[in-house]
Amino acid sequence: MAWTSVIAIYALFWVVIAFVLLPFGIKTHDEAGVEKIAGQADSAPANFRPLRLAVRATILAAVVTALYVANFVNGWIGVEDIDFFPRPPEMTYAEERS
């Protein structure tokens, strides 16, 4: 696998993981006991930390990318391993006409 492919896969994993991690650890102003600003949405986070989110996404994306590349190189899990729907039986011409 080319190193550019690994970087592209890492970037995709990073974005997906960052979005998955967004809601974890967030508290609203009511939950944190902080006063809201006038016009602020009730669901607005009071303790959003983008740097912490980026660090967690970076580490987790590196682990997932390493597992993906290791699987690609070693072939631990292939398409045939996750094919849950077997091929339908072949029909003959005589079966089709009846």
Protein backbone atom coordinates (compact mmCIF):
# COMPACT_ATOMS: atom_id res chain seq x y z
CA MET A 1 0.00 0.00 0.00
CA ALA A 2 1.39 3.41 -0.94
CA TRP A 3 2.14 5.89 1.84
CA THR A 4 -0.22 8.40 0.26
CA SER A 5 -3.03 5.87 0.58
CA VAL A 6 -2.21 5.42 4.26
CA ILE A 7 -2.35 9.19 4.79
CA ALA A 8 -5.71 9.43 2.99
CA ILE A 9 -7.15 6.56 5.03
CA TYR A 10 -5.82 8.15 8.23
CA ALA A 11 -7.49 11.47 7.33
CA LEU A 12 -10.81 9.74 6.68
CA PHE A 13 -10.61 7.84 9.97
CA TRP A 14 -9.64 11.06 11.80
CA VAL A 15 -12.66 12.99 10.55
CA VAL A 16 -15.11 10.17 11.29
CA ILE A 17 -13.65 9.56 14.76
CA ALA A 18 -13.67 13.29 15.56
CA PHE A 19 -17.38 13.48 14.75
CA VAL A 20 -18.08 10.35 16.78
CA LEU A 21 -16.21 11.77 19.79
CA LEU A 22 -17.92 15.18 19.68
CA PRO A 23 -20.79 14.45 22.11
CA PHE A 24 -18.69 12.68 24.76
CA GLY A 25 -17.80 14.69 27.85
CA ILE A 26 -19.86 17.73 26.88
CA LYS A 27 -22.12 19.40 29.44
CA THR A 28 -24.71 22.08 28.86
CA HIS A 29 -24.72 25.23 30.95
CA ASP A 30 -27.55 23.85 33.07
CA GLU A 31 -25.63 20.63 33.76
CA ALA A 32 -22.43 22.52 34.57
CA GLY A 33 -24.20 25.10 36.72
CA VAL A 34 -22.96 28.02 34.63
CA GLU A 35 -25.09 31.03 33.77
CA LYS A 36 -26.24 31.28 30.15
CA ILE A 37 -25.72 34.29 27.94
CA ALA A 38 -28.86 35.98 26.59
CA GLY A 39 -29.96 34.36 23.32
CA GLN A 40 -27.86 31.25 23.86
CA ALA A 41 -29.35 27.88 22.94
CA ASP A 42 -30.21 25.59 25.83
CA SER A 43 -28.16 22.81 24.26
CA ALA A 44 -24.97 24.88 23.75
CA PRO A 45 -21.95 23.25 25.38
CA ALA A 46 -20.34 24.95 28.36
CA ASN A 47 -17.07 23.03 28.33
CA PHE A 48 -16.15 22.36 24.68
CA ARG A 49 -12.42 21.68 24.35
CA PRO A 50 -11.42 21.32 20.69
CA LEU A 51 -7.75 20.62 21.45
CA ARG A 52 -8.66 17.67 23.70
CA LEU A 53 -10.99 16.38 20.99
CA ALA A 54 -8.26 16.69 18.34
CA VAL A 55 -5.70 14.85 20.50
CA ARG A 56 -8.12 12.01 21.24
CA ALA A 57 -9.13 11.74 17.58
CA THR A 58 -5.47 11.77 16.49
CA ILE A 59 -4.51 8.93 18.83
CA LEU A 60 -7.55 6.82 18.09
CA ALA A 61 -7.27 7.39 14.31
CA ALA A 62 -3.61 6.33 14.43
CA VAL A 63 -4.54 3.08 16.20
CA VAL A 64 -7.43 2.33 13.83
CA THR A 65 -5.29 3.15 10.77
CA ALA A 66 -2.50 0.89 12.02
CA LEU A 67 -4.99 -1.95 12.47
CA TYR A 68 -6.43 -1.32 9.00
CA VAL A 69 -3.00 -1.33 7.33
CA ALA A 70 -1.92 -4.44 9.29
CA ASN A 71 -5.09 -6.21 8.15
CA PHE A 72 -4.47 -5.10 4.57
CA VAL A 73 -0.91 -6.42 4.63
CA ASN A 74 -1.61 -9.68 6.48
CA GLY A 75 -5.10 -10.41 5.15
CA TRP A 76 -6.64 -11.33 8.52
CA ILE A 77 -10.19 -10.37 7.54
CA GLY A 78 -11.22 -10.40 3.89
CA VAL A 79 -14.41 -9.78 1.97
CA GLU A 80 -15.23 -13.48 2.02
CA ASP A 81 -15.12 -13.42 5.85
CA ILE A 82 -17.80 -10.74 6.15
CA ASP A 83 -20.08 -11.92 3.32
CA PHE A 84 -23.25 -12.60 5.32
CA PHE A 85 -25.42 -13.24 2.28
CA PRO A 86 -24.42 -16.33 0.29
CA ARG A 87 -24.78 -16.40 -3.45
CA PRO A 88 -28.17 -17.59 -4.65
CA PRO A 89 -28.23 -20.97 -6.36
CA GLU A 90 -27.79 -20.94 -10.12
CA MET A 91 -31.01 -21.43 -12.10
CA THR A 92 -31.07 -23.52 -15.24
CA TYR A 93 -33.03 -22.66 -18.34
CA ALA A 94 -35.58 -25.41 -17.62
CA GLU A 95 -36.28 -24.00 -14.14
CA GLU A 96 -36.85 -20.53 -15.53
CA ARG A 97 -39.52 -21.72 -18.01
CA SER A 98 -41.59 -23.61 -15.44
